[in-house]
Amino acid sequence: MIFANVLGIATILLIIWWFWIYRPKEVSIKDDQLMITVESGTYTPARIKIKKDTTATLTFLRKDPSPCAEMLLIPDLNISKNLRLNKIVTIKLPALSEGKYAFHCQMKMYQGEICVA
């Protein structure tokens, strides 16, 4: 009984850490282009830093066969792209003003963020 309670609490703490506390390392775009891999339930890299008022190109390669990984949404930019398995999809971002722009799958299980500064 004690083991089950400890395991339950550990699971709850892991879920809280994963969804609300953990922040992946931020990666800056070099040469206005960056490759993002969709694999094992995550975008890698998931936090992207872009200089404000500059254009950028994001290239996505989906390796995850999960149906949730199939759609990419960037709501603040009205971008919606279908990511086909093992195919490269390129998204050209306009010059963005300072702020944070979330990107995710349709269910928000895969999440990332574009940080413009």
PDB file of N, CA and C in Angstrom:
ATOM      1  N   MET A   1       0.811  -1.194   0.000  1.00  0.00           N
ATOM      2  CA  MET A   1       0.000   0.000   0.000  1.00  0.00           C
ATOM      3  C   MET A   1       0.856   1.260   0.000  1.00  0.00           C
ATOM      4  N   ILE A   2       1.911   1.281   0.826  1.00  0.00           N
ATOM      5  CA  ILE A   2       2.799   2.440   0.892  1.00  0.00           C
ATOM      6  C   ILE A   2       3.521   2.615  -0.446  1.00  0.00           C
ATOM      7  N   PHE A   3       3.961   1.515  -1.023  1.00  0.00           N
ATOM      8  CA  PHE A   3       4.648   1.578  -2.316  1.00  0.00           C
ATOM      9  C   PHE A   3       3.755   2.191  -3.402  1.00  0.00           C
ATOM     10  N   ALA A   4       2.498   1.802  -3.421  1.00  0.00           N
ATOM     11  CA  ALA A   4       1.556   2.337  -4.414  1.00  0.00           C
ATOM     12  C   ALA A   4       1.359   3.838  -4.220  1.00  0.00           C
ATOM     13  N   ASN A   5       1.271   4.282  -2.962  1.00  0.00           N
ATOM     14  CA  ASN A   5       1.128   5.715  -2.691  1.00  0.00           C
ATOM     15  C   ASN A   5       2.360   6.499  -3.114  1.00  0.00           C
ATOM     16  N   VAL A   6       3.525   5.989  -2.796  1.00  0.00           N
ATOM     17  CA  VAL A   6       4.771   6.650  -3.182  1.00  0.00           C
ATOM     18  C   VAL A   6       4.890   6.699  -4.711  1.00  0.00           C
ATOM     19  N   LEU A   7       4.555   5.621  -5.364  1.00  0.00           N
ATOM     20  CA  LEU A   7       4.595   5.588  -6.828  1.00  0.00           C
ATOM     21  C   LEU A   7       3.600   6.581  -7.426  1.00  0.00           C
ATOM     22  N   GLY A   8       2.425   6.687  -6.852  1.00  0.00           N
ATOM     23  CA  GLY A   8       1.422   7.643  -7.324  1.00  0.00           C
ATOM     24  C   GLY A   8       1.884   9.078  -7.166  1.00  0.00           C
ATOM     25  N   ILE A   9       2.469   9.399  -6.029  1.00  0.00           N
ATOM     26  CA  ILE A   9       2.977  10.757  -5.786  1.00  0.00           C
ATOM     27  C   ILE A   9       4.126  11.075  -6.738  1.00  0.00           C
ATOM     28  N   ALA A  10       5.018  10.111  -6.947  1.00  0.00           N
ATOM     29  CA  ALA A  10       6.137  10.317  -7.879  1.00  0.00           C
ATOM     30  C   ALA A  10       5.624  10.569  -9.292  1.00  0.00           C
ATOM     31  N   THR A  11       4.599   9.856  -9.689  1.00  0.00           N
ATOM     32  CA  THR A  11       4.015  10.040 -11.017  1.00  0.00           C
ATOM     33  C   THR A  11       3.391  11.423 -11.145  1.00  0.00           C
ATOM     34  N   ILE A  12       2.684  11.864 -10.136  1.00  0.00           N
ATOM     35  CA  ILE A  12       2.077  13.201 -10.140  1.00  0.00           C
ATOM     36  C   ILE A  12       3.155  14.279 -10.229  1.00  0.00           C
ATOM     37  N   LEU A  13       4.225  14.136  -9.464  1.00  0.00           N
ATOM     38  CA  LEU A  13       5.317  15.107  -9.507  1.00  0.00           C
ATOM     39  C   LEU A  13       5.995  15.129 -10.874  1.00  0.00           C
ATOM     40  N   LEU A  14       6.168  13.976 -11.477  1.00  0.00           N
ATOM     41  CA  LEU A  14       6.762  13.907 -12.815  1.00  0.00           C
ATOM     42  C   LEU A  14       5.875  14.616 -13.837  1.00  0.00           C
ATOM     43  N   ILE A  15       4.587  14.426 -13.758  1.00  0.00           N
ATOM     44  CA  ILE A  15       3.647  15.081 -14.681  1.00  0.00           C
ATOM     45  C   ILE A  15       3.699  16.598 -14.488  1.00  0.00           C
ATOM     46  N   ILE A  16       3.709  17.058 -13.249  1.00  0.00           N
ATOM     47  CA  ILE A  16       3.797  18.505 -12.983  1.00  0.00           C
ATOM     48  C   ILE A  16       5.091  19.063 -13.538  1.00  0.00           C
ATOM     49  N   TRP A  17       6.194  18.388 -13.310  1.00  0.00           N
ATOM     50  CA  TRP A  17       7.492  18.848 -13.824  1.00  0.00           C
ATOM     51  C   TRP A  17       7.474  18.901 -15.347  1.00  0.00           C
ATOM     52  N   TRP A  18       7.007  17.873 -16.010  1.00  0.00           N
ATOM     53  CA  TRP A  18       7.041  17.782 -17.470  1.00  0.00           C
ATOM     54  C   TRP A  18       6.172  18.844 -18.143  1.00  0.00           C
ATOM     55  N   PHE A  19       4.953  19.036 -17.646  1.00  0.00           N
ATOM     56  CA  PHE A  19       4.027  19.931 -18.325  1.00  0.00           C
ATOM     57  C   PHE A  19       4.094  21.388 -17.861  1.00  0.00           C
ATOM     58  N   TRP A  20       4.552  21.669 -16.635  1.00  0.00           N
ATOM     59  CA  TRP A  20       4.500  23.046 -16.150  1.00  0.00           C
ATOM     60  C   TRP A  20       5.835  23.637 -15.743  1.00  0.00           C
ATOM     61  N   ILE A  21       6.816  22.834 -15.386  1.00  0.00           N
ATOM     62  CA  ILE A  21       8.079  23.371 -14.877  1.00  0.00           C
ATOM     63  C   ILE A  21       9.215  23.269 -15.899  1.00  0.00           C
ATOM     64  N   TYR A  22       9.348  22.137 -16.556  1.00  0.00           N
ATOM     65  CA  TYR A  22      10.463  21.892 -17.469  1.00  0.00           C
ATOM     66  C   TYR A  22      10.447  22.860 -18.653  1.00  0.00           C
ATOM     67  N   ARG A  23      11.576  23.457 -18.962  1.00  0.00           N
ATOM     68  CA  ARG A  23      11.746  24.310 -20.130  1.00  0.00           C
ATOM     69  C   ARG A  23      12.986  23.832 -20.886  1.00  0.00           C
ATOM     70  N   PRO A  24      12.811  23.402 -22.143  1.00  0.00           N
ATOM     71  CA  PRO A  24      13.961  22.937 -22.901  1.00  0.00           C
ATOM     72  C   PRO A  24      14.934  24.078 -23.196  1.00  0.00           C
ATOM     73  N   LYS A  25      16.154  23.710 -23.517  1.00  0.00           N
ATOM     74  CA  LYS A  25      17.200  24.671 -23.839  1.00  0.00           C
ATOM     75  C   LYS A  25      16.797  25.505 -25.057  1.00  0.00           C
ATOM     76  N   GLU A  26      17.110  26.777 -25.030  1.00  0.00           N
ATOM     77  CA  GLU A  26      16.779  27.680 -26.130  1.00  0.00           C
ATOM     78  C   GLU A  26      17.893  27.643 -27.171  1.00  0.00           C
ATOM     79  N   VAL A  27      17.516  27.556 -28.453  1.00  0.00           N
ATOM     80  CA  VAL A  27      18.480  27.496 -29.555  1.00  0.00           C
ATOM     81  C   VAL A  27      18.263  28.706 -30.452  1.00  0.00           C
ATOM     82  N   SER A  28      19.345  29.406 -30.774  1.00  0.00           N
ATOM     83  CA  SER A  28      19.253  30.560 -31.672  1.00  0.00           C
ATOM     84  C   SER A  28      19.384  30.103 -33.115  1.00  0.00           C
ATOM     85  N   ILE A  29      18.661  30.766 -33.994  1.00  0.00           N
ATOM     86  CA  ILE A  29      18.739  30.454 -35.427  1.00  0.00           C
ATOM     87  C   ILE A  29      20.024  31.036 -35.992  1.00  0.00           C
ATOM     88  N   LYS A  30      20.764  30.224 -36.718  1.00  0.00           N
ATOM     89  CA  LYS A  30      21.976  30.659 -37.416  1.00  0.00           C
ATOM     90  C   LYS A  30      21.669  30.668 -38.910  1.00  0.00           C
ATOM     91  N   ASP A  31      22.137  31.660 -39.600  1.00  0.00           N
ATOM     92  CA  ASP A  31      21.948  31.769 -41.054  1.00  0.00           C
ATOM     93  C   ASP A  31      20.474  31.748 -41.452  1.00  0.00           C
ATOM     94  N   ASP A  32      19.591  32.254 -40.593  1.00  0.00           N
ATOM     95  CA  ASP A  32      18.159  32.384 -40.869  1.00  0.00           C
ATOM     96  C   ASP A  32      17.455  31.061 -41.155  1.00  0.00           C
ATOM     97  N   GLN A  33      18.048  29.919 -40.743  1.00  0.00           N
ATOM     98  CA  GLN A  33      17.407  28.628 -40.993  1.00  0.00           C
ATOM     99  C   GLN A  33      17.695  27.671 -39.842  1.00  0.00           C
ATOM    100  N   LEU A  34      16.701  26.824 -39.528  1.00  0.00           N
ATOM    101  CA  LEU A  34      16.851  25.853 -38.444  1.00  0.00           C
ATOM    102  C   LEU A  34      16.043  24.602 -38.756  1.00  0.00           C
ATOM    103  N   MET A  35      16.630  23.443 -38.511  1.00  0.00           N
ATOM    104  CA  MET A  35      15.942  22.155 -38.674  1.00  0.00           C
ATOM    105  C   MET A  35      15.382  21.727 -37.327  1.00  0.00           C
ATOM    106  N   ILE A  36      14.089  21.391 -37.316  1.00  0.00           N
ATOM    107  CA  ILE A  36      13.406  20.921 -36.116  1.00  0.00           C
ATOM    108  C   ILE A  36      12.929  19.498 -36.372  1.00  0.00           C
ATOM    109  N   THR A  37      13.315  18.587 -35.503  1.00  0.00           N
ATOM    110  CA  THR A  37      12.922  17.189 -35.638  1.00  0.00           C
ATOM    111  C   THR A  37      11.732  16.901 -34.726  1.00  0.00           C
ATOM    112  N   VAL A  38      10.733  16.217 -35.270  1.00  0.00           N
ATOM    113  CA  VAL A  38       9.558  15.817 -34.503  1.00  0.00           C
ATOM    114  C   VAL A  38       9.721  14.325 -34.228  1.00  0.00           C
ATOM    115  N   GLU A  39      10.047  14.007 -32.969  1.00  0.00           N
ATOM    116  CA  GLU A  39      10.387  12.621 -32.646  1.00  0.00           C
ATOM    117  C   GLU A  39      10.173  12.356 -31.161  1.00  0.00           C
ATOM    118  N   SER A  40       9.704  11.176 -30.829  1.00  0.00           N
ATOM    119  CA  SER A  40       9.528  10.729 -29.439  1.00  0.00           C
ATOM    120  C   SER A  40       8.689  11.700 -28.611  1.00  0.00           C
ATOM    121  N   GLY A  41       7.661  12.258 -29.218  1.00  0.00           N
ATOM    122  CA  GLY A  41       6.736  13.115 -28.489  1.00  0.00           C
ATOM    123  C   GLY A  41       7.206  14.538 -28.268  1.00  0.00           C
ATOM    124  N   THR A  42       8.273  14.963 -28.953  1.00  0.00           N
ATOM    125  CA  THR A  42       8.787  16.314 -28.746  1.00  0.00           C
ATOM    126  C   THR A  42       9.252  16.944 -30.057  1.00  0.00           C
ATOM    127  N   TYR A  43       9.358  18.261 -30.025  1.00  0.00           N
ATOM    128  CA  TYR A  43      10.055  19.005 -31.075  1.00  0.00           C
ATOM    129  C   TYR A  43      11.470  19.234 -30.564  1.00  0.00           C
ATOM    130  N   THR A  44      12.465  18.988 -31.411  1.00  0.00           N
ATOM    131  CA  THR A  44      13.853  19.208 -31.017  1.00  0.00           C
ATOM    132  C   THR A  44      14.557  20.049 -32.065  1.00  0.00           C
ATOM    133  N   PRO A  45      14.943  21.274 -31.734  1.00  0.00           N
ATOM    134  CA  PRO A  45      14.744  21.979 -30.481  1.00  0.00           C
ATOM    135  C   PRO A  45      13.318  22.471 -30.344  1.00  0.00           C
ATOM    136  N   ALA A  46      12.910  22.728 -29.109  1.00  0.00           N
ATOM    137  CA  ALA A  46      11.538  23.157 -28.841  1.00  0.00           C
ATOM    138  C   ALA A  46      11.445  24.642 -28.500  1.00  0.00           C
ATOM    139  N   ARG A  47      12.564  25.265 -28.148  1.00  0.00           N
ATOM    140  CA  ARG A  47      12.584  26.712 -27.890  1.00  0.00           C
ATOM    141  C   ARG A  47      13.564  27.346 -28.853  1.00  0.00           C
ATOM    142  N   ILE A  48      13.052  28.237 -29.671  1.00  0.00           N
ATOM    143  CA  ILE A  48      13.845  28.821 -30.751  1.00  0.00           C
ATOM    144  C   ILE A  48      13.924  30.325 -30.546  1.00  0.00           C
ATOM    145  N   LYS A  49      15.136  30.858 -30.603  1.00  0.00           N
ATOM    146  CA  LYS A  49      15.335  32.292 -30.430  1.00  0.00           C
ATOM    147  C   LYS A  49      15.611  32.925 -31.786  1.00  0.00           C
ATOM    148  N   ILE A  50      14.851  33.989 -32.091  1.00  0.00           N
ATOM    149  CA  ILE A  50      14.993  34.713 -33.351  1.00  0.00           C
ATOM    150  C   ILE A  50      15.130  36.195 -33.028  1.00  0.00           C
ATOM    151  N   LYS A  51      15.981  36.892 -33.785  1.00  0.00           N
ATOM    152  CA  LYS A  51      16.092  38.336 -33.610  1.00  0.00           C
ATOM    153  C   LYS A  51      14.852  38.999 -34.181  1.00  0.00           C
ATOM    154  N   LYS A  52      14.369  40.035 -33.501  1.00  0.00           N
ATOM    155  CA  LYS A  52      13.161  40.712 -33.966  1.00  0.00           C
ATOM    156  C   LYS A  52      13.414  41.406 -35.300  1.00  0.00           C
ATOM    157  N   ASP A  53      12.360  41.527 -36.068  1.00  0.00           N
ATOM    158  CA  ASP A  53      12.373  42.184 -37.380  1.00  0.00           C
ATOM    159  C   ASP A  53      13.274  41.497 -38.396  1.00  0.00           C
ATOM    160  N   THR A  54      13.526  40.190 -38.229  1.00  0.00           N
ATOM    161  CA  THR A  54      14.274  39.429 -39.234  1.00  0.00           C
ATOM    162  C   THR A  54      13.430  38.226 -39.668  1.00  0.00           C
ATOM    163  N   THR A  55      13.552  37.868 -40.934  1.00  0.00           N
ATOM    164  CA  THR A  55      12.842  36.686 -41.425  1.00  0.00           C
ATOM    165  C   THR A  55      13.627  35.437 -41.046  1.00  0.00           C
ATOM    166  N   ALA A  56      12.951  34.313 -41.028  1.00  0.00           N
ATOM    167  CA  ALA A  56      13.601  33.045 -40.683  1.00  0.00           C
ATOM    168  C   ALA A  56      12.868  31.906 -41.371  1.00  0.00           C
ATOM    169  N   THR A  57      13.580  30.805 -41.554  1.00  0.00           N
ATOM    170  CA  THR A  57      13.008  29.609 -42.151  1.00  0.00           C
ATOM    171  C   THR A  57      13.134  28.453 -41.163  1.00  0.00           C
ATOM    172  N   LEU A  58      12.009  27.835 -40.848  1.00  0.00           N
ATOM    173  CA  LEU A  58      12.003  26.647 -40.001  1.00  0.00           C
ATOM    174  C   LEU A  58      11.734  25.439 -40.873  1.00  0.00           C
ATOM    175  N   THR A  59      12.560  24.425 -40.741  1.00  0.00           N
ATOM    176  CA  THR A  59      12.401  23.194 -41.495  1.00  0.00           C
ATOM    177  C   THR A  59      12.060  22.089 -40.511  1.00  0.00           C
ATOM    178  N   PHE A  60      10.940  21.429 -40.736  1.00  0.00           N
ATOM    179  CA  PHE A  60      10.477  20.359 -39.842  1.00  0.00           C
ATOM    180  C   PHE A  60      10.653  19.011 -40.523  1.00  0.00           C
ATOM    181  N   LEU A  61      11.183  18.040 -39.771  1.00  0.00           N
ATOM    182  CA  LEU A  61      11.285  16.658 -40.232  1.00  0.00           C
ATOM    183  C   LEU A  61      10.581  15.786 -39.203  1.00  0.00           C
ATOM    184  N   ARG A  62       9.460  15.206 -39.610  1.00  0.00           N
ATOM    185  CA  ARG A  62       8.678  14.352 -38.710  1.00  0.00           C
ATOM    186  C   ARG A  62       9.153  12.909 -38.815  1.00  0.00           C
ATOM    187  N   LYS A  63       9.664  12.384 -37.692  1.00  0.00           N
ATOM    188  CA  LYS A  63      10.085  10.982 -37.611  1.00  0.00           C
ATOM    189  C   LYS A  63       9.140  10.169 -36.734  1.00  0.00           C
ATOM    190  N   ASP A  64       8.236  10.852 -36.050  1.00  0.00           N
ATOM    191  CA  ASP A  64       7.305  10.226 -35.117  1.00  0.00           C
ATOM    192  C   ASP A  64       6.032   9.807 -35.855  1.00  0.00           C
ATOM    193  N   PRO A  65       5.692   8.509 -35.869  1.00  0.00           N
ATOM    194  CA  PRO A  65       4.510   8.056 -36.606  1.00  0.00           C
ATOM    195  C   PRO A  65       3.179   8.361 -35.906  1.00  0.00           C
ATOM    196  N   SER A  66       3.238   8.907 -34.710  1.00  0.00           N
ATOM    197  CA  SER A  66       2.009   9.221 -33.978  1.00  0.00           C
ATOM    198  C   SER A  66       1.125  10.178 -34.785  1.00  0.00           C
ATOM    199  N   PRO A  67      -0.180   9.913 -34.839  1.00  0.00           N
ATOM    200  CA  PRO A  67      -1.087  10.814 -35.564  1.00  0.00           C
ATOM    201  C   PRO A  67      -1.080  12.237 -35.004  1.00  0.00           C
ATOM    202  N   CYS A  68      -0.774  12.395 -33.731  1.00  0.00           N
ATOM    203  CA  CYS A  68      -0.737  13.726 -33.128  1.00  0.00           C
ATOM    204  C   CYS A  68       0.383  14.580 -33.724  1.00  0.00           C
ATOM    205  N   ALA A  69       1.455  13.948 -34.156  1.00  0.00           N
ATOM    206  CA  ALA A  69       2.600  14.679 -34.724  1.00  0.00           C
ATOM    207  C   ALA A  69       2.338  15.155 -36.148  1.00  0.00           C
ATOM    208  N   GLU A  70       1.217  14.766 -36.696  1.00  0.00           N
ATOM    209  CA  GLU A  70       0.897  15.027 -38.095  1.00  0.00           C
ATOM    210  C   GLU A  70       0.627  16.495 -38.415  1.00  0.00           C
ATOM    211  N   MET A  71       0.134  17.259 -37.463  1.00  0.00           N
ATOM    212  CA  MET A  71      -0.260  18.646 -37.721  1.00  0.00           C
ATOM    213  C   MET A  71       0.584  19.604 -36.893  1.00  0.00           C
ATOM    214  N   LEU A  72       1.040  20.673 -37.533  1.00  0.00           N
ATOM    215  CA  LEU A  72       1.783  21.724 -36.854  1.00  0.00           C
ATOM    216  C   LEU A  72       0.967  23.006 -36.925  1.00  0.00           C
ATOM    217  N   LEU A  73       0.772  23.641 -35.768  1.00  0.00           N
ATOM    218  CA  LEU A  73       0.023  24.892 -35.710  1.00  0.00           C
ATOM    219  C   LEU A  73       0.879  25.972 -35.055  1.00  0.00           C
ATOM    220  N   ILE A  74       0.860  27.169 -35.661  1.00  0.00           N
ATOM    221  CA  ILE A  74       1.429  28.368 -35.040  1.00  0.00           C
ATOM    222  C   ILE A  74       0.284  29.373 -35.038  1.00  0.00           C
ATOM    223  N   PRO A  75      -0.577  29.318 -34.022  1.00  0.00           N
ATOM    224  CA  PRO A  75      -1.824  30.088 -34.030  1.00  0.00           C
ATOM    225  C   PRO A  75      -1.654  31.595 -34.202  1.00  0.00           C
ATOM    226  N   ASP A  76      -0.670  32.185 -33.528  1.00  0.00           N
ATOM    227  CA  ASP A  76      -0.495  33.641 -33.604  1.00  0.00           C
ATOM    228  C   ASP A  76      -0.098  34.123 -34.995  1.00  0.00           C
ATOM    229  N   LEU A  77       0.406  33.211 -35.820  1.00  0.00           N
ATOM    230  CA  LEU A  77       0.816  33.571 -37.183  1.00  0.00           C
ATOM    231  C   LEU A  77      -0.138  32.980 -38.227  1.00  0.00           C
ATOM    232  N   ASN A  78      -1.219  32.370 -37.781  1.00  0.00           N
ATOM    233  CA  ASN A  78      -2.192  31.715 -38.670  1.00  0.00           C
ATOM    234  C   ASN A  78      -1.534  30.701 -39.604  1.00  0.00           C
ATOM    235  N   ILE A  79      -0.614  29.909 -39.049  1.00  0.00           N
ATOM    236  CA  ILE A  79       0.084  28.880 -39.820  1.00  0.00           C
ATOM    237  C   ILE A  79      -0.402  27.512 -39.374  1.00  0.00           C
ATOM    238  N   SER A  80      -0.748  26.690 -40.351  1.00  0.00           N
ATOM    239  CA  SER A  80      -1.174  25.318 -40.119  1.00  0.00           C
ATOM    240  C   SER A  80      -0.560  24.462 -41.223  1.00  0.00           C
ATOM    241  N   LYS A  81       0.265  23.497 -40.849  1.00  0.00           N
ATOM    242  CA  LYS A  81       0.937  22.651 -41.837  1.00  0.00           C
ATOM    243  C   LYS A  81       0.784  21.185 -41.489  1.00  0.00           C
ATOM    244  N   ASN A  82       0.597  20.375 -42.521  1.00  0.00           N
ATOM    245  CA  ASN A  82       0.559  18.934 -42.368  1.00  0.00           C
ATOM    246  C   ASN A  82       1.998  18.427 -42.472  1.00  0.00           C
ATOM    247  N   LEU A  83       2.473  17.714 -41.464  1.00  0.00           N
ATOM    248  CA  LEU A  83       3.821  17.157 -41.468  1.00  0.00           C
ATOM    249  C   LEU A  83       3.747  15.688 -41.855  1.00  0.00           C
ATOM    250  N   ARG A  84       4.164  15.385 -43.063  1.00  0.00           N
ATOM    251  CA  ARG A  84       4.148  13.995 -43.511  1.00  0.00           C
ATOM    252  C   ARG A  84       5.353  13.261 -42.939  1.00  0.00           C
ATOM    253  N   LEU A  85       5.169  11.997 -42.644  1.00  0.00           N
ATOM    254  CA  LEU A  85       6.211  11.173 -42.040  1.00  0.00           C
ATOM    255  C   LEU A  85       7.445  11.113 -42.935  1.00  0.00           C
ATOM    256  N   ASN A  86       8.612  11.395 -42.361  1.00  0.00           N
ATOM    257  CA  ASN A  86       9.922  11.358 -43.030  1.00  0.00           C
ATOM    258  C   ASN A  86      10.021  12.279 -44.250  1.00  0.00           C
ATOM    259  N   LYS A  87       9.239  13.345 -44.247  1.00  0.00           N
ATOM    260  CA  LYS A  87       9.301  14.349 -45.312  1.00  0.00           C
ATOM    261  C   LYS A  87       9.627  15.694 -44.691  1.00  0.00           C
ATOM    262  N   ILE A  88      10.402  16.499 -45.391  1.00  0.00           N
ATOM    263  CA  ILE A  88      10.773  17.816 -44.906  1.00  0.00           C
ATOM    264  C   ILE A  88       9.705  18.827 -45.292  1.00  0.00           C
ATOM    265  N   VAL A  89       9.299  19.638 -44.326  1.00  0.00           N
ATOM    266  CA  VAL A  89       8.328  20.716 -44.545  1.00  0.00           C
ATOM    267  C   VAL A  89       9.001  22.022 -44.117  1.00  0.00           C
ATOM    268  N   THR A  90       8.995  22.998 -45.008  1.00  0.00           N
ATOM    269  CA  THR A  90       9.638  24.275 -44.747  1.00  0.00           C
ATOM    270  C   THR A  90       8.593  25.357 -44.507  1.00  0.00           C
ATOM    271  N   ILE A  91       8.831  26.149 -43.477  1.00  0.00           N
ATOM    272  CA  ILE A  91       7.942  27.259 -43.148  1.00  0.00           C
ATOM    273  C   ILE A  91       8.787  28.528 -43.100  1.00  0.00           C
ATOM    274  N   LYS A  92       8.413  29.496 -43.905  1.00  0.00           N
ATOM    275  CA  LYS A  92       9.103  30.785 -43.906  1.00  0.00           C
ATOM    276  C   LYS A  92       8.344  31.728 -42.979  1.00  0.00           C
ATOM    277  N   LEU A  93       9.051  32.204 -41.967  1.00  0.00           N
ATOM    278  CA  LEU A  93       8.442  33.128 -41.016  1.00  0.00           C
ATOM    279  C   LEU A  93       8.709  34.562 -41.458  1.00  0.00           C
ATOM    280  N   PRO A  94       7.722  35.407 -41.362  1.00  0.00           N
ATOM    281  CA  PRO A  94       7.940  36.824 -41.676  1.00  0.00           C
ATOM    282  C   PRO A  94       8.760  37.477 -40.560  1.00  0.00           C
ATOM    283  N   ALA A  95       9.178  38.703 -40.773  1.00  0.00           N
ATOM    284  CA  ALA A  95       9.837  39.457 -39.699  1.00  0.00           C
ATOM    285  C   ALA A  95       8.827  39.627 -38.573  1.00  0.00           C
ATOM    286  N   LEU A  96       9.192  39.175 -37.398  1.00  0.00           N
ATOM    287  CA  LEU A  96       8.268  39.173 -36.265  1.00  0.00           C
ATOM    288  C   LEU A  96       8.637  40.250 -35.256  1.00  0.00           C
ATOM    289  N   SER A  97       7.624  40.784 -34.601  1.00  0.00           N
ATOM    290  CA  SER A  97       7.872  41.735 -33.525  1.00  0.00           C
ATOM    291  C   SER A  97       8.204  40.951 -32.251  1.00  0.00           C
ATOM    292  N   GLU A  98       8.759  41.648 -31.286  1.00  0.00           N
ATOM    293  CA  GLU A  98       9.195  41.026 -30.046  1.00  0.00           C
ATOM    294  C   GLU A  98       8.038  40.322 -29.333  1.00  0.00           C
ATOM    295  N   GLY A  99       8.315  39.146 -28.827  1.00  0.00           N
ATOM    296  CA  GLY A  99       7.297  38.390 -28.108  1.00  0.00           C
ATOM    297  C   GLY A  99       7.558  36.899 -28.183  1.00  0.00           C
ATOM    298  N   LYS A 100       6.594  36.120 -27.708  1.00  0.00           N
ATOM    299  CA  LYS A 100       6.690  34.653 -27.731  1.00  0.00           C
ATOM    300  C   LYS A 100       5.541  34.111 -28.565  1.00  0.00           C
ATOM    301  N   TYR A 101       5.865  33.171 -29.432  1.00  0.00           N
ATOM    302  CA  TYR A 101       4.900  32.567 -30.346  1.00  0.00           C
ATOM    303  C   TYR A 101       4.934  31.060 -30.134  1.00  0.00           C
ATOM    304  N   ALA A 102       3.838  30.500 -29.667  1.00  0.00           N
ATOM    305  CA  ALA A 102       3.759  29.062 -29.412  1.00  0.00           C
ATOM    306  C   ALA A 102       3.526  28.305 -30.707  1.00  0.00           C
ATOM    307  N   PHE A 103       4.119  27.113 -30.807  1.00  0.00           N
ATOM    308  CA  PHE A 103       3.768  26.182 -31.877  1.00  0.00           C
ATOM    309  C   PHE A 103       3.520  24.832 -31.247  1.00  0.00           C
ATOM    310  N   HIS A 104       2.584  24.071 -31.844  1.00  0.00           N
ATOM    311  CA  HIS A 104       2.194  22.809 -31.226  1.00  0.00           C
ATOM    312  C   HIS A 104       1.412  21.958 -32.215  1.00  0.00           C
ATOM    313  N   CYS A 105       1.131  20.727 -31.805  1.00  0.00           N
ATOM    314  CA  CYS A 105       0.254  19.851 -32.582  1.00  0.00           C
ATOM    315  C   CYS A 105      -1.192  20.240 -32.286  1.00  0.00           C
ATOM    316  N   GLN A 106      -2.136  19.613 -32.947  1.00  0.00           N
ATOM    317  CA  GLN A 106      -3.545  19.995 -32.766  1.00  0.00           C
ATOM    318  C   GLN A 106      -4.065  19.722 -31.353  1.00  0.00           C
ATOM    319  N   MET A 107      -3.450  18.815 -30.624  1.00  0.00           N
ATOM    320  CA  MET A 107      -3.903  18.504 -29.263  1.00  0.00           C
ATOM    321  C   MET A 107      -3.012  19.141 -28.184  1.00  0.00           C
ATOM    322  N   LYS A 108      -2.005  19.879 -28.611  1.00  0.00           N
ATOM    323  CA  LYS A 108      -1.030  20.538 -27.726  1.00  0.00           C
ATOM    324  C   LYS A 108      -0.219  19.548 -26.889  1.00  0.00           C
ATOM    325  N   MET A 109      -0.060  18.343 -27.390  1.00  0.00           N
ATOM    326  CA  MET A 109       0.785  17.371 -26.700  1.00  0.00           C
ATOM    327  C   MET A 109       2.252  17.590 -27.068  1.00  0.00           C
ATOM    328  N   TYR A 110       2.516  18.000 -28.302  1.00  0.00           N
ATOM    329  CA  TYR A 110       3.853  18.395 -28.744  1.00  0.00           C
ATOM    330  C   TYR A 110       3.838  19.926 -28.679  1.00  0.00           C
ATOM    331  N   GLN A 111       4.785  20.523 -27.977  1.00  0.00           N
ATOM    332  CA  GLN A 111       4.773  21.966 -27.809  1.00  0.00           C
ATOM    333  C   GLN A 111       6.155  22.558 -27.996  1.00  0.00           C
ATOM    334  N   GLY A 112       6.168  23.769 -28.552  1.00  0.00           N
ATOM    335  CA  GLY A 112       7.396  24.509 -28.724  1.00  0.00           C
ATOM    336  C   GLY A 112       7.115  25.997 -28.633  1.00  0.00           C
ATOM    337  N   GLU A 113       8.176  26.791 -28.671  1.00  0.00           N
ATOM    338  CA  GLU A 113       8.012  28.229 -28.537  1.00  0.00           C
ATOM    339  C   GLU A 113       9.073  28.954 -29.340  1.00  0.00           C
ATOM    340  N   ILE A 114       8.635  29.985 -30.056  1.00  0.00           N
ATOM    341  CA  ILE A 114       9.544  30.866 -30.771  1.00  0.00           C
ATOM    342  C   ILE A 114       9.657  32.131 -29.934  1.00  0.00           C
ATOM    343  N   CYS A 115      10.871  32.440 -29.493  1.00  0.00           N
ATOM    344  CA  CYS A 115      11.114  33.633 -28.666  1.00  0.00           C
ATOM    345  C   CYS A 115      11.781  34.681 -29.533  1.00  0.00           C
ATOM    346  N   VAL A 116      11.116  35.797 -29.728  1.00  0.00           N
ATOM    347  CA  VAL A 116      11.639  36.870 -30.569  1.00  0.00           C
ATOM    348  C   VAL A 116      12.069  38.008 -29.670  1.00  0.00           C
ATOM    349  N   ALA A 117      13.358  38.385 -29.797  1.00  0.00           N
ATOM    350  CA  ALA A 117      13.891  39.479 -28.974  1.00  0.00           C
ATOM    351  C   ALA A 117      14.813  40.360 -29.798  1.00  0.00           C
TER     352      ALA A 117
END
